[in-house]
PDB file of N, CA and C in Angstrom:
ATOM      1  N   MET A   1     -10.924  -7.087  -1.865  1.00  0.00           N
ATOM      2  CA  MET A   1      -9.513  -7.419  -1.795  1.00  0.00           C
ATOM      3  C   MET A   1      -9.382  -8.844  -1.262  1.00  0.00           C
ATOM      4  N   THR A   2      -8.569  -9.624  -1.924  1.00  0.00           N
ATOM      5  CA  THR A   2      -8.366 -11.009  -1.534  1.00  0.00           C
ATOM      6  C   THR A   2      -7.246 -11.106  -0.507  1.00  0.00           C
ATOM      7  N   GLU A   3      -7.445 -11.954   0.497  1.00  0.00           N
ATOM      8  CA  GLU A   3      -6.408 -12.232   1.480  1.00  0.00           C
ATOM      9  C   GLU A   3      -6.026 -13.705   1.392  1.00  0.00           C
ATOM     10  N   TYR A   4      -4.750 -13.966   1.618  1.00  0.00           N
ATOM     11  CA  TYR A   4      -4.243 -15.327   1.568  1.00  0.00           C
ATOM     12  C   TYR A   4      -3.576 -15.674   2.894  1.00  0.00           C
ATOM     13  N   THR A   5      -3.586 -16.950   3.203  1.00  0.00           N
ATOM     14  CA  THR A   5      -2.922 -17.447   4.410  1.00  0.00           C
ATOM     15  C   THR A   5      -1.465 -17.745   4.073  1.00  0.00           C
ATOM     16  N   VAL A   6      -0.573 -17.213   4.897  1.00  0.00           N
ATOM     17  CA  VAL A   6       0.852 -17.487   4.745  1.00  0.00           C
ATOM     18  C   VAL A   6       1.303 -18.202   6.017  1.00  0.00           C
ATOM     19  N   GLU A   7       1.754 -19.441   5.832  1.00  0.00           N
ATOM     20  CA  GLU A   7       2.228 -20.261   6.950  1.00  0.00           C
ATOM     21  C   GLU A   7       3.741 -20.388   6.847  1.00  0.00           C
ATOM     22  N   PHE A   8       4.410 -20.195   7.976  1.00  0.00           N
ATOM     23  CA  PHE A   8       5.853 -20.370   8.017  1.00  0.00           C
ATOM     24  C   PHE A   8       6.140 -21.768   8.548  1.00  0.00           C
ATOM     25  N   VAL A   9       6.639 -22.629   7.668  1.00  0.00           N
ATOM     26  CA  VAL A   9       6.880 -24.038   7.948  1.00  0.00           C
ATOM     27  C   VAL A   9       7.916 -24.175   9.067  1.00  0.00           C
ATOM     28  N   GLY A  10       7.626 -25.098   9.988  1.00  0.00           N
ATOM     29  CA  GLY A  10       8.552 -25.359  11.074  1.00  0.00           C
ATOM     30  C   GLY A  10       8.447 -24.383  12.225  1.00  0.00           C
ATOM     31  N   ARG A  11       7.505 -23.470  12.128  1.00  0.00           N
ATOM     32  CA  ARG A  11       7.281 -22.473  13.179  1.00  0.00           C
ATOM     33  C   ARG A  11       5.783 -22.408  13.413  1.00  0.00           C
ATOM     34  N   ASP A  12       5.395 -21.994  14.528  1.00  0.00           N
ATOM     35  CA  ASP A  12       3.971 -21.882  14.809  1.00  0.00           C
ATOM     36  C   ASP A  12       3.498 -20.475  14.443  1.00  0.00           C
ATOM     37  N   GLU A  13       3.687 -20.090  13.181  1.00  0.00           N
ATOM     38  CA  GLU A  13       3.349 -18.749  12.727  1.00  0.00           C
ATOM     39  C   GLU A  13       2.559 -18.816  11.421  1.00  0.00           C
ATOM     40  N   THR A  14       1.374 -18.235  11.450  1.00  0.00           N
ATOM     41  CA  THR A  14       0.526 -18.141  10.268  1.00  0.00           C
ATOM     42  C   THR A  14      -0.107 -16.762  10.280  1.00  0.00           C
ATOM     43  N   ILE A  15      -0.108 -16.099   9.137  1.00  0.00           N
ATOM     44  CA  ILE A  15      -0.704 -14.776   9.032  1.00  0.00           C
ATOM     45  C   ILE A  15      -1.582 -14.696   7.800  1.00  0.00           C
ATOM     46  N   GLU A  16      -2.446 -13.704   7.783  1.00  0.00           N
ATOM     47  CA  GLU A  16      -3.260 -13.385   6.614  1.00  0.00           C
ATOM     48  C   GLU A  16      -2.620 -12.190   5.932  1.00  0.00           C
ATOM     49  N   VAL A  17      -2.445 -12.283   4.607  1.00  0.00           N
ATOM     50  CA  VAL A  17      -1.795 -11.220   3.853  1.00  0.00           C
ATOM     51  C   VAL A  17      -2.655 -10.866   2.652  1.00  0.00           C
ATOM     52  N   ALA A  18      -2.973  -9.598   2.506  1.00  0.00           N
ATOM     53  CA  ALA A  18      -3.744  -9.129   1.351  1.00  0.00           C
ATOM     54  C   ALA A  18      -2.902  -9.237   0.091  1.00  0.00           C
ATOM     55  N   GLU A  19      -3.553  -9.475  -1.024  1.00  0.00           N
ATOM     56  CA  GLU A  19      -2.839  -9.618  -2.296  1.00  0.00           C
ATOM     57  C   GLU A  19      -2.090  -8.349  -2.697  1.00  0.00           C
ATOM     58  N   THR A  20      -2.432  -7.218  -2.081  1.00  0.00           N
ATOM     59  CA  THR A  20      -1.785  -5.950  -2.390  1.00  0.00           C
ATOM     60  C   THR A  20      -0.684  -5.588  -1.398  1.00  0.00           C
ATOM     61  N   GLU A  21      -0.454  -6.444  -0.419  1.00  0.00           N
ATOM     62  CA  GLU A  21       0.507  -6.167   0.654  1.00  0.00           C
ATOM     63  C   GLU A  21       1.705  -7.090   0.527  1.00  0.00           C
ATOM     64  N   THR A  22       2.890  -6.598   0.864  1.00  0.00           N
ATOM     65  CA  THR A  22       4.045  -7.491   0.856  1.00  0.00           C
ATOM     66  C   THR A  22       3.998  -8.396   2.079  1.00  0.00           C
ATOM     67  N   ILE A  23       4.594  -9.538   1.933  1.00  0.00           N
ATOM     68  CA  ILE A  23       4.646 -10.500   3.035  1.00  0.00           C
ATOM     69  C   ILE A  23       5.423  -9.902   4.202  1.00  0.00           C
ATOM     70  N   LEU A  24       6.504  -9.186   3.926  1.00  0.00           N
ATOM     71  CA  LEU A  24       7.288  -8.572   4.988  1.00  0.00           C
ATOM     72  C   LEU A  24       6.455  -7.566   5.767  1.00  0.00           C
ATOM     73  N   SER A  25       5.697  -6.713   5.078  1.00  0.00           N
ATOM     74  CA  SER A  25       4.856  -5.729   5.776  1.00  0.00           C
ATOM     75  C   SER A  25       3.887  -6.404   6.725  1.00  0.00           C
ATOM     76  N   ALA A  26       3.266  -7.466   6.255  1.00  0.00           N
ATOM     77  CA  ALA A  26       2.311  -8.190   7.099  1.00  0.00           C
ATOM     78  C   ALA A  26       3.022  -8.814   8.300  1.00  0.00           C
ATOM     79  N   CYS A  27       4.210  -9.363   8.086  1.00  0.00           N
ATOM     80  CA  CYS A  27       4.983  -9.941   9.195  1.00  0.00           C
ATOM     81  C   CYS A  27       5.267  -8.881  10.257  1.00  0.00           C
ATOM     82  N   LEU A  28       5.735  -7.733   9.811  1.00  0.00           N
ATOM     83  CA  LEU A  28       6.067  -6.673  10.756  1.00  0.00           C
ATOM     84  C   LEU A  28       4.836  -6.194  11.511  1.00  0.00           C
ATOM     85  N   GLU A  29       3.703  -6.077  10.824  1.00  0.00           N
ATOM     86  CA  GLU A  29       2.457  -5.674  11.482  1.00  0.00           C
ATOM     87  C   GLU A  29       2.019  -6.693  12.531  1.00  0.00           C
ATOM     88  N   GLU A  30       2.286  -7.975  12.278  1.00  0.00           N
ATOM     89  CA  GLU A  30       1.860  -9.042  13.182  1.00  0.00           C
ATOM     90  C   GLU A  30       2.912  -9.380  14.239  1.00  0.00           C
ATOM     91  N   GLY A  31       4.056  -8.706  14.204  1.00  0.00           N
ATOM     92  CA  GLY A  31       5.088  -8.951  15.199  1.00  0.00           C
ATOM     93  C   GLY A  31       5.933 -10.185  14.940  1.00  0.00           C
ATOM     94  N   ILE A  32       5.938 -10.661  13.702  1.00  0.00           N
ATOM     95  CA  ILE A  32       6.762 -11.815  13.336  1.00  0.00           C
ATOM     96  C   ILE A  32       8.159 -11.312  12.962  1.00  0.00           C
ATOM     97  N   ALA A  33       9.158 -11.929  13.529  1.00  0.00           N
ATOM     98  CA  ALA A  33      10.541 -11.486  13.347  1.00  0.00           C
ATOM     99  C   ALA A  33      11.137 -11.985  12.038  1.00  0.00           C
ATOM    100  N   GLN A  34      10.590 -11.538  10.927  1.00  0.00           N
ATOM    101  CA  GLN A  34      11.132 -11.877   9.605  1.00  0.00           C
ATOM    102  C   GLN A  34      12.381 -11.041   9.371  1.00  0.00           C
ATOM    103  N   GLU A  35      13.461 -11.702   9.030  1.00  0.00           N
ATOM    104  CA  GLU A  35      14.718 -10.995   8.775  1.00  0.00           C
ATOM    105  C   GLU A  35      14.577 -10.101   7.547  1.00  0.00           C
ATOM    106  N   TYR A  36      15.178  -8.930   7.600  1.00  0.00           N
ATOM    107  CA  TYR A  36      15.232  -8.027   6.445  1.00  0.00           C
ATOM    108  C   TYR A  36      16.331  -7.001   6.674  1.00  0.00           C
ATOM    109  N   SER A  37      16.683  -6.279   5.624  1.00  0.00           N
ATOM    110  CA  SER A  37      17.677  -5.228   5.753  1.00  0.00           C
ATOM    111  C   SER A  37      17.305  -4.043   4.864  1.00  0.00           C
ATOM    112  N   CYS A  38      17.440  -4.196   3.552  1.00  0.00           N
ATOM    113  CA  CYS A  38      17.284  -3.051   2.659  1.00  0.00           C
ATOM    114  C   CYS A  38      15.840  -2.706   2.320  1.00  0.00           C
ATOM    115  N   ARG A  39      14.944  -3.665   2.345  1.00  0.00           N
ATOM    116  CA  ARG A  39      13.513  -3.518   2.013  1.00  0.00           C
ATOM    117  C   ARG A  39      13.248  -3.180   0.546  1.00  0.00           C
ATOM    118  N   VAL A  40      14.249  -3.330  -0.320  1.00  0.00           N
ATOM    119  CA  VAL A  40      14.050  -3.064  -1.751  1.00  0.00           C
ATOM    120  C   VAL A  40      14.533  -4.223  -2.626  1.00  0.00           C
ATOM    121  N   GLY A  41      14.732  -5.390  -2.053  1.00  0.00           N
ATOM    122  CA  GLY A  41      15.055  -6.578  -2.841  1.00  0.00           C
ATOM    123  C   GLY A  41      16.482  -6.728  -3.282  1.00  0.00           C
ATOM    124  N   MET A  42      17.390  -5.952  -2.726  1.00  0.00           N
ATOM    125  CA  MET A  42      18.784  -6.053  -3.159  1.00  0.00           C
ATOM    126  C   MET A  42      19.646  -6.928  -2.262  1.00  0.00           C
ATOM    127  N   CYS A  43      19.352  -6.956  -0.969  1.00  0.00           N
ATOM    128  CA  CYS A  43      20.235  -7.665  -0.034  1.00  0.00           C
ATOM    129  C   CYS A  43      19.915  -9.145   0.089  1.00  0.00           C
ATOM    130  N   LEU A  44      18.720  -9.558  -0.259  1.00  0.00           N
ATOM    131  CA  LEU A  44      18.232 -10.937  -0.189  1.00  0.00           C
ATOM    132  C   LEU A  44      18.080 -11.464   1.238  1.00  0.00           C
ATOM    133  N   ALA A  45      18.253 -10.623   2.245  1.00  0.00           N
ATOM    134  CA  ALA A  45      18.147 -11.061   3.637  1.00  0.00           C
ATOM    135  C   ALA A  45      16.758 -11.583   3.978  1.00  0.00           C
ATOM    136  N   CYS A  46      15.739 -11.087   3.315  1.00  0.00           N
ATOM    137  CA  CYS A  46      14.353 -11.448   3.637  1.00  0.00           C
ATOM    138  C   CYS A  46      13.859 -12.657   2.856  1.00  0.00           C
ATOM    139  N   SER A  47      14.737 -13.333   2.142  1.00  0.00           N
ATOM    140  CA  SER A  47      14.289 -14.440   1.293  1.00  0.00           C
ATOM    141  C   SER A  47      13.751 -15.604   2.120  1.00  0.00           C
ATOM    142  N   ALA A  48      12.819 -16.313   1.520  1.00  0.00           N
ATOM    143  CA  ALA A  48      12.228 -17.509   2.115  1.00  0.00           C
ATOM    144  C   ALA A  48      11.954 -18.498   0.994  1.00  0.00           C
ATOM    145  N   LYS A  49      12.166 -19.768   1.265  1.00  0.00           N
ATOM    146  CA  LYS A  49      11.901 -20.806   0.261  1.00  0.00           C
ATOM    147  C   LYS A  49      10.398 -21.009   0.140  1.00  0.00           C
ATOM    148  N   ILE A  50       9.906 -21.053  -1.086  1.00  0.00           N
ATOM    149  CA  ILE A  50       8.500 -21.316  -1.339  1.00  0.00           C
ATOM    150  C   ILE A  50       8.296 -22.826  -1.312  1.00  0.00           C
ATOM    151  N   VAL A  51       7.617 -23.310  -0.279  1.00  0.00           N
ATOM    152  CA  VAL A  51       7.338 -24.731  -0.145  1.00  0.00           C
ATOM    153  C   VAL A  51       6.085 -25.080  -0.925  1.00  0.00           C
ATOM    154  N   GLU A  52       5.105 -24.181  -0.877  1.00  0.00           N
ATOM    155  CA  GLU A  52       3.836 -24.399  -1.560  1.00  0.00           C
ATOM    156  C   GLU A  52       3.202 -23.050  -1.847  1.00  0.00           C
ATOM    157  N   GLY A  53       2.608 -22.890  -3.029  1.00  0.00           N
ATOM    158  CA  GLY A  53       1.905 -21.671  -3.390  1.00  0.00           C
ATOM    159  C   GLY A  53       2.679 -20.806  -4.366  1.00  0.00           C
ATOM    160  N   GLU A  54       2.112 -19.632  -4.626  1.00  0.00           N
ATOM    161  CA  GLU A  54       2.706 -18.713  -5.613  1.00  0.00           C
ATOM    162  C   GLU A  54       2.696 -17.294  -5.092  1.00  0.00           C
ATOM    163  N   VAL A  55       3.691 -16.531  -5.559  1.00  0.00           N
ATOM    164  CA  VAL A  55       3.792 -15.112  -5.215  1.00  0.00           C
ATOM    165  C   VAL A  55       3.928 -14.278  -6.484  1.00  0.00           C
ATOM    166  N   ASN A  56       3.573 -13.018  -6.368  1.00  0.00           N
ATOM    167  CA  ASN A  56       3.850 -12.034  -7.414  1.00  0.00           C
ATOM    168  C   ASN A  56       5.061 -11.239  -6.949  1.00  0.00           C
ATOM    169  N   GLN A  57       6.135 -11.294  -7.715  1.00  0.00           N
ATOM    170  CA  GLN A  57       7.360 -10.573  -7.352  1.00  0.00           C
ATOM    171  C   GLN A  57       8.187 -10.266  -8.599  1.00  0.00           C
ATOM    172  N   GLN A  58       7.567  -9.696  -9.581  1.00  0.00           N
ATOM    173  CA  GLN A  58       8.257  -9.411 -10.848  1.00  0.00           C
ATOM    174  C   GLN A  58       9.508  -8.577 -10.654  1.00  0.00           C
ATOM    175  N   VAL A  59       9.483  -7.626  -9.754  1.00  0.00           N
ATOM    176  CA  VAL A  59      10.632  -6.748  -9.547  1.00  0.00           C
ATOM    177  C   VAL A  59      11.808  -7.507  -8.932  1.00  0.00           C
ATOM    178  N   ALA A  60      11.531  -8.582  -8.218  1.00  0.00           N
ATOM    179  CA  ALA A  60      12.594  -9.336  -7.543  1.00  0.00           C
ATOM    180  C   ALA A  60      13.641  -9.846  -8.519  1.00  0.00           C
ATOM    181  N   VAL A  61      13.232 -10.213  -9.717  1.00  0.00           N
ATOM    182  CA  VAL A  61      14.181 -10.719 -10.721  1.00  0.00           C
ATOM    183  C   VAL A  61      15.109  -9.595 -11.172  1.00  0.00           C
ATOM    184  N   ALA A  62      14.576  -8.421 -11.305  1.00  0.00           N
ATOM    185  CA  ALA A  62      15.402  -7.292 -11.710  1.00  0.00           C
ATOM    186  C   ALA A  62      16.340  -6.865 -10.585  1.00  0.00           C
ATOM    187  N   ARG A  63      16.004  -7.207  -9.354  1.00  0.00           N
ATOM    188  CA  ARG A  63      16.784  -6.762  -8.200  1.00  0.00           C
ATOM    189  C   ARG A  63      17.853  -7.760  -7.783  1.00  0.00           C
ATOM    190  N   GLY A  64      17.442  -8.953  -7.320  1.00  0.00           N
ATOM    191  CA  GLY A  64      18.447  -9.827  -6.742  1.00  0.00           C
ATOM    192  C   GLY A  64      18.349 -11.298  -7.075  1.00  0.00           C
ATOM    193  N   LEU A  65      17.205 -11.754  -7.571  1.00  0.00           N
ATOM    194  CA  LEU A  65      17.024 -13.169  -7.861  1.00  0.00           C
ATOM    195  C   LEU A  65      17.159 -13.459  -9.349  1.00  0.00           C
ATOM    196  N   THR A  66      17.642 -14.651  -9.660  1.00  0.00           N
ATOM    197  CA  THR A  66      17.604 -15.098 -11.051  1.00  0.00           C
ATOM    198  C   THR A  66      16.169 -15.559 -11.346  1.00  0.00           C
ATOM    199  N   GLU A  67      15.853 -15.783 -12.602  1.00  0.00           N
ATOM    200  CA  GLU A  67      14.530 -16.271 -12.994  1.00  0.00           C
ATOM    201  C   GLU A  67      14.211 -17.586 -12.279  1.00  0.00           C
ATOM    202  N   GLU A  68      15.193 -18.485 -12.246  1.00  0.00           N
ATOM    203  CA  GLU A  68      14.985 -19.785 -11.612  1.00  0.00           C
ATOM    204  C   GLU A  68      14.768 -19.634 -10.110  1.00  0.00           C
ATOM    205  N   GLU A  69      15.562 -18.791  -9.473  1.00  0.00           N
ATOM    206  CA  GLU A  69      15.424 -18.574  -8.031  1.00  0.00           C
ATOM    207  C   GLU A  69      14.069 -17.961  -7.678  1.00  0.00           C
ATOM    208  N   ALA A  70      13.547 -17.105  -8.536  1.00  0.00           N
ATOM    209  CA  ALA A  70      12.263 -16.463  -8.266  1.00  0.00           C
ATOM    210  C   ALA A  70      11.103 -17.450  -8.271  1.00  0.00           C
ATOM    211  N   GLU A  71      11.310 -18.620  -8.866  1.00  0.00           N
ATOM    212  CA  GLU A  71      10.285 -19.661  -8.840  1.00  0.00           C
ATOM    213  C   GLU A  71      10.321 -20.446  -7.533  1.00  0.00           C
ATOM    214  N   GLU A  72      11.458 -20.425  -6.843  1.00  0.00           N
ATOM    215  CA  GLU A  72      11.644 -21.227  -5.635  1.00  0.00           C
ATOM    216  C   GLU A  72      11.756 -20.400  -4.359  1.00  0.00           C
ATOM    217  N   TYR A  73      12.072 -19.123  -4.483  1.00  0.00           N
ATOM    218  CA  TYR A  73      12.284 -18.273  -3.319  1.00  0.00           C
ATOM    219  C   TYR A  73      11.464 -17.000  -3.435  1.00  0.00           C
ATOM    220  N   ALA A  74      11.000 -16.522  -2.290  1.00  0.00           N
ATOM    221  CA  ALA A  74      10.277 -15.253  -2.241  1.00  0.00           C
ATOM    222  C   ALA A  74      11.139 -14.228  -1.527  1.00  0.00           C
ATOM    223  N   LEU A  75      11.278 -13.054  -2.112  1.00  0.00           N
ATOM    224  CA  LEU A  75      11.853 -11.929  -1.387  1.00  0.00           C
ATOM    225  C   LEU A  75      10.667 -11.277  -0.688  1.00  0.00           C
ATOM    226  N   THR A  76      10.551 -11.510   0.604  1.00  0.00           N
ATOM    227  CA  THR A  76       9.331 -11.104   1.304  1.00  0.00           C
ATOM    228  C   THR A  76       9.106  -9.596   1.304  1.00  0.00           C
ATOM    229  N   CYS A  77      10.153  -8.815   1.080  1.00  0.00           N
ATOM    230  CA  CYS A  77       9.980  -7.360   1.016  1.00  0.00           C
ATOM    231  C   CYS A  77       9.329  -6.920  -0.299  1.00  0.00           C
ATOM    232  N   MET A  78       9.367  -7.788  -1.308  1.00  0.00           N
ATOM    233  CA  MET A  78       8.808  -7.475  -2.618  1.00  0.00           C
ATOM    234  C   MET A  78       7.597  -8.348  -2.957  1.00  0.00           C
ATOM    235  N   ALA A  79       7.574  -9.568  -2.420  1.00  0.00           N
ATOM    236  CA  ALA A  79       6.578 -10.568  -2.798  1.00  0.00           C
ATOM    237  C   ALA A  79       5.213 -10.297  -2.176  1.00  0.00           C
ATOM    238  N   ARG A  80       4.213 -10.445  -3.026  1.00  0.00           N
ATOM    239  CA  ARG A  80       2.815 -10.380  -2.607  1.00  0.00           C
ATOM    240  C   ARG A  80       2.200 -11.742  -2.905  1.00  0.00           C
ATOM    241  N   PRO A  81       1.373 -12.247  -2.007  1.00  0.00           N
ATOM    242  CA  PRO A  81       0.818 -13.585  -2.240  1.00  0.00           C
ATOM    243  C   PRO A  81      -0.131 -13.615  -3.435  1.00  0.00           C
ATOM    244  N   ALA A  82      -0.066 -14.719  -4.194  1.00  0.00           N
ATOM    245  CA  ALA A  82      -0.982 -14.955  -5.307  1.00  0.00           C
ATOM    246  C   ALA A  82      -1.833 -16.185  -5.024  1.00  0.00           C
ATOM    247  N   SER A  83      -1.578 -16.809  -3.860  1.00  0.00           N
ATOM    248  CA  SER A  83      -2.317 -17.978  -3.399  1.00  0.00           C
ATOM    249  C   SER A  83      -1.970 -18.142  -1.926  1.00  0.00           C
ATOM    250  N   ASP A  84      -2.606 -19.105  -1.265  1.00  0.00           N
ATOM    251  CA  ASP A  84      -2.159 -19.461   0.071  1.00  0.00           C
ATOM    252  C   ASP A  84      -0.732 -19.972  -0.080  1.00  0.00           C
ATOM    253  N   LEU A  85       0.085 -19.713   0.948  1.00  0.00           N
ATOM    254  CA  LEU A  85       1.516 -20.034   0.858  1.00  0.00           C
ATOM    255  C   LEU A  85       2.013 -20.799   2.063  1.00  0.00           C
ATOM    256  N   LYS A  86       3.037 -21.594   1.812  1.00  0.00           N
ATOM    257  CA  LYS A  86       3.857 -22.168   2.870  1.00  0.00           C
ATOM    258  C   LYS A  86       5.273 -21.747   2.533  1.00  0.00           C
ATOM    259  N   LEU A  87       5.903 -21.033   3.457  1.00  0.00           N
ATOM    260  CA  LEU A  87       7.255 -20.546   3.260  1.00  0.00           C
ATOM    261  C   LEU A  87       8.168 -21.063   4.354  1.00  0.00           C
ATOM    262  N   LYS A  88       9.434 -21.249   4.011  1.00  0.00           N
ATOM    263  CA  LYS A  88      10.430 -21.650   4.995  1.00  0.00           C
ATOM    264  C   LYS A  88      11.452 -20.530   5.138  1.00  0.00           C
ATOM    265  N   ARG A  89      11.392 -19.868   6.292  1.00  0.00           N
ATOM    266  CA  ARG A  89      12.319 -18.777   6.554  1.00  0.00           C
ATOM    267  C   ARG A  89      13.716 -19.327   6.817  1.00  0.00           C
ATOM    268  N   GLY A  90      14.719 -18.485   6.583  1.00  0.00           N
ATOM    269  CA  GLY A  90      16.091 -18.893   6.813  1.00  0.00           C
ATOM    270  C   GLY A  90      16.679 -19.732   5.696  1.00  0.00           C
ATOM    271  N   GLU A  91      15.986 -19.801   4.586  1.00  0.00           N
ATOM    272  CA  GLU A  91      16.467 -20.518   3.393  1.00  0.00           C
ATOM    273  C   GLU A  91      16.824 -19.458   2.349  1.00  0.00           C
ATOM    274  N   TYR A  92      18.048 -19.524   1.857  1.00  0.00           N
ATOM    275  CA  TYR A  92      18.522 -18.501   0.939  1.00  0.00           C
ATOM    276  C   TYR A  92      18.810 -19.084  -0.436  1.00  0.00           C
ATOM    277  N   PRO A  93      18.591 -18.285  -1.491  1.00  0.00           N
ATOM    278  CA  PRO A  93      18.864 -18.767  -2.849  1.00  0.00           C
ATOM    279  C   PRO A  93      20.362 -18.967  -3.066  1.00  0.00           C
ATOM    280  N   PRO A  94      20.717 -19.809  -4.013  1.00  0.00           N
ATOM    281  CA  PRO A  94      22.140 -20.080  -4.285  1.00  0.00           C
ATOM    282  C   PRO A  94      22.956 -18.819  -4.540  1.00  0.00           C
ATOM    283  N   SER A  95      22.376 -17.804  -5.165  1.00  0.00           N
ATOM    284  CA  SER A  95      23.154 -16.595  -5.466  1.00  0.00           C
ATOM    285  C   SER A  95      23.651 -15.910  -4.206  1.00  0.00           C
ATOM    286  N   ILE A  96      22.876 -15.918  -3.129  1.00  0.00           N
ATOM    287  CA  ILE A  96      23.348 -15.287  -1.884  1.00  0.00           C
ATOM    288  C   ILE A  96      24.351 -16.200  -1.186  1.00  0.00           C
ATOM    289  N   GLU A  97      24.150 -17.503  -1.265  1.00  0.00           N
ATOM    290  CA  GLU A  97      25.092 -18.445  -0.669  1.00  0.00           C
ATOM    291  C   GLU A  97      26.469 -18.292  -1.323  1.00  0.00           C
ATOM    292  N   GLU A  98      26.498 -18.194  -2.647  1.00  0.00           N
ATOM    293  CA  GLU A  98      27.748 -18.055  -3.375  1.00  0.00           C
ATOM    294  C   GLU A  98      28.422 -16.723  -3.055  1.00  0.00           C
ATOM    295  N   HIS A  99      27.631 -15.657  -2.981  1.00  0.00           N
ATOM    296  CA  HIS A  99      28.168 -14.331  -2.670  1.00  0.00           C
ATOM    297  C   HIS A  99      28.766 -14.318  -1.264  1.00  0.00           C
ATOM    298  N   ALA A 100      28.051 -14.895  -0.300  1.00  0.00           N
ATOM    299  CA  ALA A 100      28.524 -14.922   1.087  1.00  0.00           C
ATOM    300  C   ALA A 100      29.798 -15.753   1.212  1.00  0.00           C
ATOM    301  N   ALA A 101      29.846 -16.890   0.531  1.00  0.00           N
ATOM    302  CA  ALA A 101      31.035 -17.749   0.592  1.00  0.00           C
ATOM    303  C   ALA A 101      32.250 -17.018   0.020  1.00  0.00           C
ATOM    304  N   ALA A 102      32.053 -16.307  -1.078  1.00  0.00           N
ATOM    305  CA  ALA A 102      33.146 -15.575  -1.693  1.00  0.00           C
ATOM    306  C   ALA A 102      33.647 -14.456  -0.776  1.00  0.00           C
ATOM    307  N   ALA A 103      32.726 -13.899   0.012  1.00  0.00           N
ATOM    308  CA  ALA A 103      33.096 -12.823   0.927  1.00  0.00           C
ATOM    309  C   ALA A 103      33.538 -13.345   2.291  1.00  0.00           C
ATOM    310  N   GLY A 104      33.458 -14.656   2.485  1.00  0.00           N
ATOM    311  CA  GLY A 104      33.840 -15.256   3.750  1.00  0.00           C
ATOM    312  C   GLY A 104      32.846 -15.016   4.880  1.00  0.00           C
ATOM    313  N   GLU A 105      31.583 -14.742   4.515  1.00  0.00           N
ATOM    314  CA  GLU A 105      30.545 -14.471   5.506  1.00  0.00           C
ATOM    315  C   GLU A 105      29.680 -15.710   5.711  1.00  0.00           C
ATOM    316  N   PRO A 106      29.232 -15.933   6.961  1.00  0.00           N
ATOM    317  CA  PRO A 106      28.328 -17.054   7.207  1.00  0.00           C
ATOM    318  C   PRO A 106      26.912 -16.748   6.738  1.00  0.00           C
ATOM    319  N   VAL A 107      26.221 -17.753   6.245  1.00  0.00           N
ATOM    320  CA  VAL A 107      24.810 -17.633   5.883  1.00  0.00           C
ATOM    321  C   VAL A 107      24.111 -18.821   6.520  1.00  0.00           C
ATOM    322  N   GLY A 108      23.002 -18.558   7.203  1.00  0.00           N
ATOM    323  CA  GLY A 108      22.296 -19.674   7.837  1.00  0.00           C
ATOM    324  C   GLY A 108      20.940 -19.273   8.299  1.00  0.00           C
ATOM    325  N   ALA A 109      20.309 -20.167   9.074  1.00  0.00           N
ATOM    326  CA  ALA A 109      18.953 -19.934   9.593  1.00  0.00           C
ATOM    327  C   ALA A 109      18.943 -18.728  10.505  1.00  0.00           C
ATOM    328  N   ASP A 110      17.765 -18.121  10.617  1.00  0.00           N
ATOM    329  CA  ASP A 110      17.633 -16.903  11.398  1.00  0.00           C
ATOM    330  C   ASP A 110      17.342 -17.157  12.869  1.00  0.00           C
ATOM    331  N   ASP A 111      17.594 -18.334  13.369  1.00  0.00           N
ATOM    332  CA  ASP A 111      17.332 -18.644  14.788  1.00  0.00           C
ATOM    333  C   ASP A 111      18.549 -18.315  15.600  1.00  0.00           C
TER     334      ASP A 111
END
């Protein structure tokens, strides 16, 4: 089984994630406070911007991300690493920003 390094940019957090494990599962096991809610890719709360690397998240497009967003953002509850990664937590795809604005809800960093 292959493991990849996942680094969270701007934070002193790096974990090893197996190619068969979701990034969110690994975060929770390591005690990293990755935001999440539904755990099935619908709420987009667990999204992170992909700064470098690739993920496998085919189901994410069917759930909450557009095709274009899936190239730039990882839903950590669904995404499995396909390479070493650099992710930026607290970055949300345009679809969630637009939805939140329409609902009058704030969207921002998880700090």
